[in-house]
Amino acid sequence: MEWEYASHIPFIGAVELATLAKAKGVISDARVGLADICAAVLHARLDKSTPLRVRTDWSNEKLSPEQLRYAALDAWVSLQIHHHLSQISHAEMITETTLPGTPVSVLHDDNQVIAHGILSAESPTSKCRGVNHTATRARVTIQHIVVPAAILSLHATSLAQMGPVPFDVLVKKSKLRTQSVVRNQADVDTQKTGINIIYSNTNP
């Protein structure tokens, strides 16, 4: 987690979000920080560039309003992440019966999650962006990019070079994992709260 727990008293009931996110198939590396988990789960940016993050007076008995706001935001984001992760079913490989519109995660060759989207509702065609459609490949509508620089092996180009989302690509079925619709609802839920996840000293 982001904060070190200085007390010698064991904290019972703590949940390591990175470990949980990896188990749910949202991320592939449990060593990532809260900002990366926030991007993968909530599809939102949590700004950790503020100088508050490296201040040495966090152990003071009284914290500044800015510090309290920063800590509260981390706590609120962590709670939202846990809420969404707890509703995501374990990832499974797609099958012949997996329906169009099913939310999926796209894995890289090293099994890192690089994008999220849905199985395309478009009728299978012979080609997609010049790549042949076969029985071992699926057409996916990419809705959220996790790793822009990741190369899509079938298209031999990066996700960032594909243009703005949404867009369709062909992906090997072995590199797709189904996900709960809750993941794609995360953006909507975050917007409904009216709370800005990007930290700013000027926020009320």
C-alpha atoms as a PDB file:
ATOM      1  CA  MET A   1       0.000   0.000   0.000  1.00  0.00           C
ATOM      2  CA  GLU A   2       0.945   3.656  -0.183  1.00  0.00           C
ATOM      3  CA  TRP A   3       1.402   4.245   3.540  1.00  0.00           C
ATOM      4  CA  GLU A   4       3.745   2.594   5.997  1.00  0.00           C
ATOM      5  CA  TYR A   5       2.055   1.394   9.147  1.00  0.00           C
ATOM      6  CA  ALA A   6       4.327   2.446  12.028  1.00  0.00           C
ATOM      7  CA  SER A   7       2.428   0.828  14.899  1.00  0.00           C
ATOM      8  CA  HIS A   8       3.685  -2.462  16.348  1.00  0.00           C
ATOM      9  CA  ILE A   9       0.080  -3.554  16.954  1.00  0.00           C
ATOM     10  CA  PRO A  10      -1.055  -5.933  14.179  1.00  0.00           C
ATOM     11  CA  PHE A  11      -3.736  -4.476  11.909  1.00  0.00           C
ATOM     12  CA  ILE A  12      -6.395  -7.178  11.580  1.00  0.00           C
ATOM     13  CA  GLY A  13      -8.568  -7.286   8.486  1.00  0.00           C
ATOM     14  CA  ALA A  14      -6.337  -5.312   6.123  1.00  0.00           C
ATOM     15  CA  VAL A  15      -6.638  -6.065   2.399  1.00  0.00           C
ATOM     16  CA  GLU A  16      -3.720  -5.616   0.014  1.00  0.00           C
ATOM     17  CA  LEU A  17      -5.383  -4.000  -3.011  1.00  0.00           C
ATOM     18  CA  ALA A  18      -2.596  -4.882  -5.441  1.00  0.00           C
ATOM     19  CA  THR A  19      -2.779  -8.557  -4.502  1.00  0.00           C
ATOM     20  CA  LEU A  20      -6.565  -8.518  -4.831  1.00  0.00           C
ATOM     21  CA  ALA A  21      -6.420  -6.709  -8.182  1.00  0.00           C
ATOM     22  CA  LYS A  22      -3.956  -9.266  -9.511  1.00  0.00           C
ATOM     23  CA  ALA A  23      -6.129 -12.140  -8.326  1.00  0.00           C
ATOM     24  CA  LYS A  24      -9.067 -10.584 -10.167  1.00  0.00           C
ATOM     25  CA  GLY A  25      -7.040 -10.325 -13.374  1.00  0.00           C
ATOM     26  CA  VAL A  26      -7.060  -6.513 -13.443  1.00  0.00           C
ATOM     27  CA  ILE A  27      -3.271  -6.151 -13.193  1.00  0.00           C
ATOM     28  CA  SER A  28      -0.433  -8.606 -13.735  1.00  0.00           C
ATOM     29  CA  ASP A  29       2.121  -7.181 -11.285  1.00  0.00           C
ATOM     30  CA  ALA A  30       1.192  -6.805  -7.605  1.00  0.00           C
ATOM     31  CA  ARG A  31       4.106  -4.394  -7.061  1.00  0.00           C
ATOM     32  CA  VAL A  32       2.272  -1.459  -8.659  1.00  0.00           C
ATOM     33  CA  GLY A  33       1.130   1.548  -6.642  1.00  0.00           C
ATOM     34  CA  LEU A  34      -2.275   2.957  -5.834  1.00  0.00           C
ATOM     35  CA  ALA A  35      -2.294   5.306  -8.844  1.00  0.00           C
ATOM     36  CA  ASP A  36      -1.790   2.406 -11.271  1.00  0.00           C
ATOM     37  CA  ILE A  37      -4.478   0.328  -9.576  1.00  0.00           C
ATOM     38  CA  CYS A  38      -6.832   3.323  -9.691  1.00  0.00           C
ATOM     39  CA  ALA A  39      -6.250   3.655 -13.444  1.00  0.00           C
ATOM     40  CA  ALA A  40      -6.848  -0.051 -14.065  1.00  0.00           C
ATOM     41  CA  VAL A  41      -9.948  -0.427 -11.877  1.00  0.00           C
ATOM     42  CA  LEU A  42     -11.658   2.983 -11.875  1.00  0.00           C
ATOM     43  CA  HIS A  43     -10.253   4.187 -15.208  1.00  0.00           C
ATOM     44  CA  ALA A  44      -9.345   7.443 -13.489  1.00  0.00           C
ATOM     45  CA  ARG A  45      -6.113   9.311 -12.807  1.00  0.00           C
ATOM     46  CA  LEU A  46      -4.911   9.663  -9.234  1.00  0.00           C
ATOM     47  CA  ASP A  47      -2.232  12.343  -9.234  1.00  0.00           C
ATOM     48  CA  LYS A  48       0.689  11.346  -6.993  1.00  0.00           C
ATOM     49  CA  SER A  49       3.093  14.023  -8.239  1.00  0.00           C
ATOM     50  CA  THR A  50       2.305  16.508  -5.464  1.00  0.00           C
ATOM     51  CA  PRO A  51       5.222  17.361  -3.086  1.00  0.00           C
ATOM     52  CA  LEU A  52       2.952  16.330  -0.200  1.00  0.00           C
ATOM     53  CA  ARG A  53       3.750  12.709  -0.977  1.00  0.00           C
ATOM     54  CA  VAL A  54       7.399  13.028   0.089  1.00  0.00           C
ATOM     55  CA  ARG A  55       7.019  15.374   3.055  1.00  0.00           C
ATOM     56  CA  THR A  56       8.747  14.190   6.223  1.00  0.00           C
ATOM     57  CA  ASP A  57       6.184  15.466   8.728  1.00  0.00           C
ATOM     58  CA  TRP A  58       3.481  12.850   8.211  1.00  0.00           C
ATOM     59  CA  SER A  59       4.159  11.482  11.702  1.00  0.00           C
ATOM     60  CA  ASN A  60       3.218  14.815  13.308  1.00  0.00           C
ATOM     61  CA  GLU A  61       0.270  14.746  15.682  1.00  0.00           C
ATOM     62  CA  LYS A  62      -1.421  17.524  13.709  1.00  0.00           C
ATOM     63  CA  LEU A  63      -1.488  17.494   9.921  1.00  0.00           C
ATOM     64  CA  SER A  64      -2.130  20.425   7.602  1.00  0.00           C
ATOM     65  CA  PRO A  65      -5.458  20.728   5.748  1.00  0.00           C
ATOM     66  CA  GLU A  66      -3.638  19.793   2.528  1.00  0.00           C
ATOM     67  CA  GLN A  67      -2.242  16.642   4.130  1.00  0.00           C
ATOM     68  CA  LEU A  68      -5.644  15.681   5.488  1.00  0.00           C
ATOM     69  CA  ARG A  69      -7.197  16.166   2.052  1.00  0.00           C
ATOM     70  CA  TYR A  70      -4.466  14.113   0.399  1.00  0.00           C
ATOM     71  CA  ALA A  71      -4.818  11.265   2.920  1.00  0.00           C
ATOM     72  CA  ALA A  72      -8.619  11.337   2.725  1.00  0.00           C
ATOM     73  CA  LEU A  73      -8.487  11.091  -1.059  1.00  0.00           C
ATOM     74  CA  ASP A  74      -6.213   8.048  -0.876  1.00  0.00           C
ATOM     75  CA  ALA A  75      -8.568   6.424   1.617  1.00  0.00           C
ATOM     76  CA  TRP A  76     -11.656   7.200  -0.480  1.00  0.00           C
ATOM     77  CA  VAL A  77     -10.042   5.909  -3.688  1.00  0.00           C
ATOM     78  CA  SER A  78      -8.893   2.750  -1.901  1.00  0.00           C
ATOM     79  CA  LEU A  79     -12.446   2.131  -0.714  1.00  0.00           C
ATOM     80  CA  GLN A  80     -13.850   2.629  -4.222  1.00  0.00           C
ATOM     81  CA  ILE A  81     -11.246   0.271  -5.682  1.00  0.00           C
ATOM     82  CA  HIS A  82     -12.061  -2.420  -3.117  1.00  0.00           C
ATOM     83  CA  HIS A  83     -15.780  -1.982  -3.781  1.00  0.00           C
ATOM     84  CA  HIS A  84     -15.344  -2.557  -7.511  1.00  0.00           C
ATOM     85  CA  LEU A  85     -12.826  -5.374  -7.138  1.00  0.00           C
ATOM     86  CA  SER A  86     -15.129  -7.229  -4.763  1.00  0.00           C
ATOM     87  CA  GLN A  87     -17.787  -7.306  -7.480  1.00  0.00           C
ATOM     88  CA  ILE A  88     -15.536  -8.521 -10.275  1.00  0.00           C
ATOM     89  CA  SER A  89     -15.718 -12.234 -10.957  1.00  0.00           C
ATOM     90  CA  HIS A  90     -12.503 -14.143 -11.555  1.00  0.00           C
ATOM     91  CA  ALA A  91     -11.282 -13.864 -15.117  1.00  0.00           C
ATOM     92  CA  GLU A  92     -11.964 -16.760 -17.462  1.00  0.00           C
ATOM     93  CA  MET A  93     -10.936 -17.549 -21.008  1.00  0.00           C
ATOM     94  CA  ILE A  94     -13.562 -16.883 -23.646  1.00  0.00           C
ATOM     95  CA  THR A  95     -15.304 -19.794 -25.319  1.00  0.00           C
ATOM     96  CA  GLU A  96     -17.375 -20.374 -28.419  1.00  0.00           C
ATOM     97  CA  THR A  97     -20.481 -19.520 -26.380  1.00  0.00           C
ATOM     98  CA  THR A  98     -19.166 -16.187 -25.059  1.00  0.00           C
ATOM     99  CA  LEU A  99     -21.602 -13.579 -26.337  1.00  0.00           C
ATOM    100  CA  PRO A 100     -20.802 -10.315 -28.184  1.00  0.00           C
ATOM    101  CA  GLY A 101     -20.760  -7.397 -25.763  1.00  0.00           C
ATOM    102  CA  THR A 102     -19.071  -9.438 -23.029  1.00  0.00           C
ATOM    103  CA  PRO A 103     -16.483  -7.306 -21.164  1.00  0.00           C
ATOM    104  CA  VAL A 104     -12.959  -8.634 -21.688  1.00  0.00           C
ATOM    105  CA  SER A 105      -9.389  -7.818 -20.747  1.00  0.00           C
ATOM    106  CA  VAL A 106      -6.631  -8.030 -23.351  1.00  0.00           C
ATOM    107  CA  LEU A 107      -3.376  -9.638 -22.243  1.00  0.00           C
ATOM    108  CA  HIS A 108       0.080  -9.072 -23.694  1.00  0.00           C
ATOM    109  CA  ASP A 109       2.400 -11.953 -24.531  1.00  0.00           C
ATOM    110  CA  ASP A 110       3.738 -11.756 -20.958  1.00  0.00           C
ATOM    111  CA  ASN A 111       0.125 -11.959 -19.671  1.00  0.00           C
ATOM    112  CA  GLN A 112       0.123  -8.338 -18.516  1.00  0.00           C
ATOM    113  CA  VAL A 113      -3.268  -6.632 -18.858  1.00  0.00           C
ATOM    114  CA  ILE A 114      -2.863  -3.984 -21.556  1.00  0.00           C
ATOM    115  CA  ALA A 115      -6.448  -2.987 -22.391  1.00  0.00           C
ATOM    116  CA  HIS A 116     -10.121  -3.517 -21.612  1.00  0.00           C
ATOM    117  CA  GLY A 117     -13.071  -3.668 -23.953  1.00  0.00           C
ATOM    118  CA  ILE A 118     -15.898  -5.862 -25.168  1.00  0.00           C
ATOM    119  CA  LEU A 119     -16.256  -8.620 -27.713  1.00  0.00           C
ATOM    120  CA  SER A 120     -17.341  -6.765 -30.805  1.00  0.00           C
ATOM    121  CA  ALA A 121     -20.952  -6.977 -31.895  1.00  0.00           C
ATOM    122  CA  GLU A 122     -19.829  -6.558 -35.510  1.00  0.00           C
ATOM    123  CA  SER A 123     -20.348  -9.605 -37.701  1.00  0.00           C
ATOM    124  CA  PRO A 124     -17.092 -11.519 -38.250  1.00  0.00           C
ATOM    125  CA  THR A 125     -15.452 -10.491 -41.487  1.00  0.00           C
ATOM    126  CA  SER A 126     -12.473 -11.802 -43.371  1.00  0.00           C
ATOM    127  CA  LYS A 127     -10.257  -8.954 -42.162  1.00  0.00           C
ATOM    128  CA  CYS A 128      -9.972  -6.266 -39.487  1.00  0.00           C
ATOM    129  CA  ARG A 129      -7.424  -3.541 -40.141  1.00  0.00           C
ATOM    130  CA  GLY A 130      -5.843  -5.790 -42.744  1.00  0.00           C
ATOM    131  CA  VAL A 131      -5.562  -8.820 -40.427  1.00  0.00           C
ATOM    132  CA  ASN A 132      -7.402 -12.028 -41.300  1.00  0.00           C
ATOM    133  CA  HIS A 133     -10.152 -13.239 -38.966  1.00  0.00           C
ATOM    134  CA  THR A 134      -9.732 -16.907 -37.984  1.00  0.00           C
ATOM    135  CA  ALA A 135     -11.307 -19.348 -35.530  1.00  0.00           C
ATOM    136  CA  THR A 136      -8.536 -18.681 -33.006  1.00  0.00           C
ATOM    137  CA  ARG A 137      -8.992 -14.915 -33.084  1.00  0.00           C
ATOM    138  CA  ALA A 138     -11.714 -12.616 -31.768  1.00  0.00           C
ATOM    139  CA  ARG A 139     -12.729  -9.116 -32.732  1.00  0.00           C
ATOM    140  CA  VAL A 140     -12.578  -6.798 -29.734  1.00  0.00           C
ATOM    141  CA  THR A 141     -13.767  -3.217 -29.324  1.00  0.00           C
ATOM    142  CA  ILE A 142     -11.096  -1.552 -27.188  1.00  0.00           C
ATOM    143  CA  GLN A 143     -12.662   0.914 -24.735  1.00  0.00           C
ATOM    144  CA  HIS A 144      -9.839   1.577 -22.266  1.00  0.00           C
ATOM    145  CA  ILE A 145      -6.074   1.367 -22.804  1.00  0.00           C
ATOM    146  CA  VAL A 146      -3.937   0.382 -19.804  1.00  0.00           C
ATOM    147  CA  VAL A 147      -0.517   0.233 -21.523  1.00  0.00           C
ATOM    148  CA  PRO A 148      -0.458   2.561 -24.566  1.00  0.00           C
ATOM    149  CA  ALA A 149       2.984   1.370 -25.703  1.00  0.00           C
ATOM    150  CA  ALA A 150       1.969  -2.301 -25.726  1.00  0.00           C
ATOM    151  CA  ILE A 151       2.261  -3.913 -29.144  1.00  0.00           C
ATOM    152  CA  LEU A 152      -0.673  -5.886 -30.512  1.00  0.00           C
ATOM    153  CA  SER A 153       1.082  -8.875 -32.044  1.00  0.00           C
ATOM    154  CA  LEU A 154      -1.502  -9.540 -34.760  1.00  0.00           C
ATOM    155  CA  HIS A 155      -1.458  -5.924 -35.930  1.00  0.00           C
ATOM    156  CA  ALA A 156       2.266  -5.308 -35.270  1.00  0.00           C
ATOM    157  CA  THR A 157       1.547  -1.862 -33.862  1.00  0.00           C
ATOM    158  CA  SER A 158       1.024  -0.276 -30.462  1.00  0.00           C
ATOM    159  CA  LEU A 159      -2.316   0.467 -28.893  1.00  0.00           C
ATOM    160  CA  ALA A 160      -1.478   4.171 -28.884  1.00  0.00           C
ATOM    161  CA  GLN A 161      -1.052   4.116 -32.667  1.00  0.00           C
ATOM    162  CA  MET A 162      -4.518   2.683 -33.174  1.00  0.00           C
ATOM    163  CA  GLY A 163      -6.141   6.067 -32.608  1.00  0.00           C
ATOM    164  CA  PRO A 164      -8.724   7.202 -30.069  1.00  0.00           C
ATOM    165  CA  VAL A 165     -10.945   4.657 -28.351  1.00  0.00           C
ATOM    166  CA  PRO A 166     -13.206   2.934 -29.074  1.00  0.00           C
ATOM    167  CA  PHE A 167     -11.686   0.966 -31.943  1.00  0.00           C
ATOM    168  CA  ASP A 168     -11.783  -2.645 -33.125  1.00  0.00           C
ATOM    169  CA  VAL A 169      -8.817  -5.020 -33.291  1.00  0.00           C
ATOM    170  CA  LEU A 170      -8.269  -8.746 -33.645  1.00  0.00           C
ATOM    171  CA  VAL A 171      -6.814 -10.540 -30.630  1.00  0.00           C
ATOM    172  CA  LYS A 172      -5.839 -14.159 -30.094  1.00  0.00           C
ATOM    173  CA  LYS A 173      -8.578 -15.782 -28.021  1.00  0.00           C
ATOM    174  CA  SER A 174      -5.909 -17.187 -25.711  1.00  0.00           C
ATOM    175  CA  LYS A 175      -5.047 -13.581 -24.764  1.00  0.00           C
ATOM    176  CA  LEU A 176      -8.572 -12.607 -23.740  1.00  0.00           C
ATOM    177  CA  ARG A 177     -10.177 -12.945 -20.321  1.00  0.00           C
ATOM    178  CA  THR A 178     -13.811 -12.268 -19.481  1.00  0.00           C
ATOM    179  CA  GLN A 179     -14.598  -9.757 -16.756  1.00  0.00           C
ATOM    180  CA  SER A 180     -17.623  -8.656 -14.789  1.00  0.00           C
ATOM    181  CA  VAL A 181     -19.618  -5.753 -16.231  1.00  0.00           C
ATOM    182  CA  VAL A 182     -18.937  -3.942 -12.948  1.00  0.00           C
ATOM    183  CA  ARG A 183     -15.502  -2.976 -14.297  1.00  0.00           C
ATOM    184  CA  ASN A 184     -16.983  -1.071 -17.196  1.00  0.00           C
ATOM    185  CA  GLN A 185     -19.514   0.526 -14.847  1.00  0.00           C
ATOM    186  CA  ALA A 186     -16.697   1.979 -12.728  1.00  0.00           C
ATOM    187  CA  ASP A 187     -16.362   5.069 -14.909  1.00  0.00           C
ATOM    188  CA  VAL A 188     -20.073   5.817 -14.670  1.00  0.00           C
ATOM    189  CA  ASP A 189     -20.159   5.312 -10.905  1.00  0.00           C
ATOM    190  CA  THR A 190     -17.151   7.593 -10.436  1.00  0.00           C
ATOM    191  CA  GLN A 191     -18.760  10.321 -12.529  1.00  0.00           C
ATOM    192  CA  LYS A 192     -22.014  10.046 -10.556  1.00  0.00           C
ATOM    193  CA  THR A 193     -20.232  10.803  -7.283  1.00  0.00           C
ATOM    194  CA  GLY A 194     -19.181  14.216  -8.554  1.00  0.00           C
ATOM    195  CA  ILE A 195     -15.829  13.817  -6.789  1.00  0.00           C
ATOM    196  CA  ASN A 196     -12.643  14.690  -8.623  1.00  0.00           C
ATOM    197  CA  ILE A 197     -10.068  11.927  -8.227  1.00  0.00           C
ATOM    198  CA  ILE A 198      -7.226  14.151  -9.429  1.00  0.00           C
ATOM    199  CA  TYR A 199      -5.664  15.792  -6.374  1.00  0.00           C
ATOM    200  CA  SER A 200      -5.421  19.569  -6.364  1.00  0.00           C
ATOM    201  CA  ASN A 201      -4.537  22.038  -3.619  1.00  0.00           C
ATOM    202  CA  THR A 202      -7.367  24.250  -4.857  1.00  0.00           C
ATOM    203  CA  ASN A 203     -10.089  21.656  -4.401  1.00  0.00           C
ATOM    204  CA  PRO A 204     -12.588  22.474  -1.663  1.00  0.00           C
END
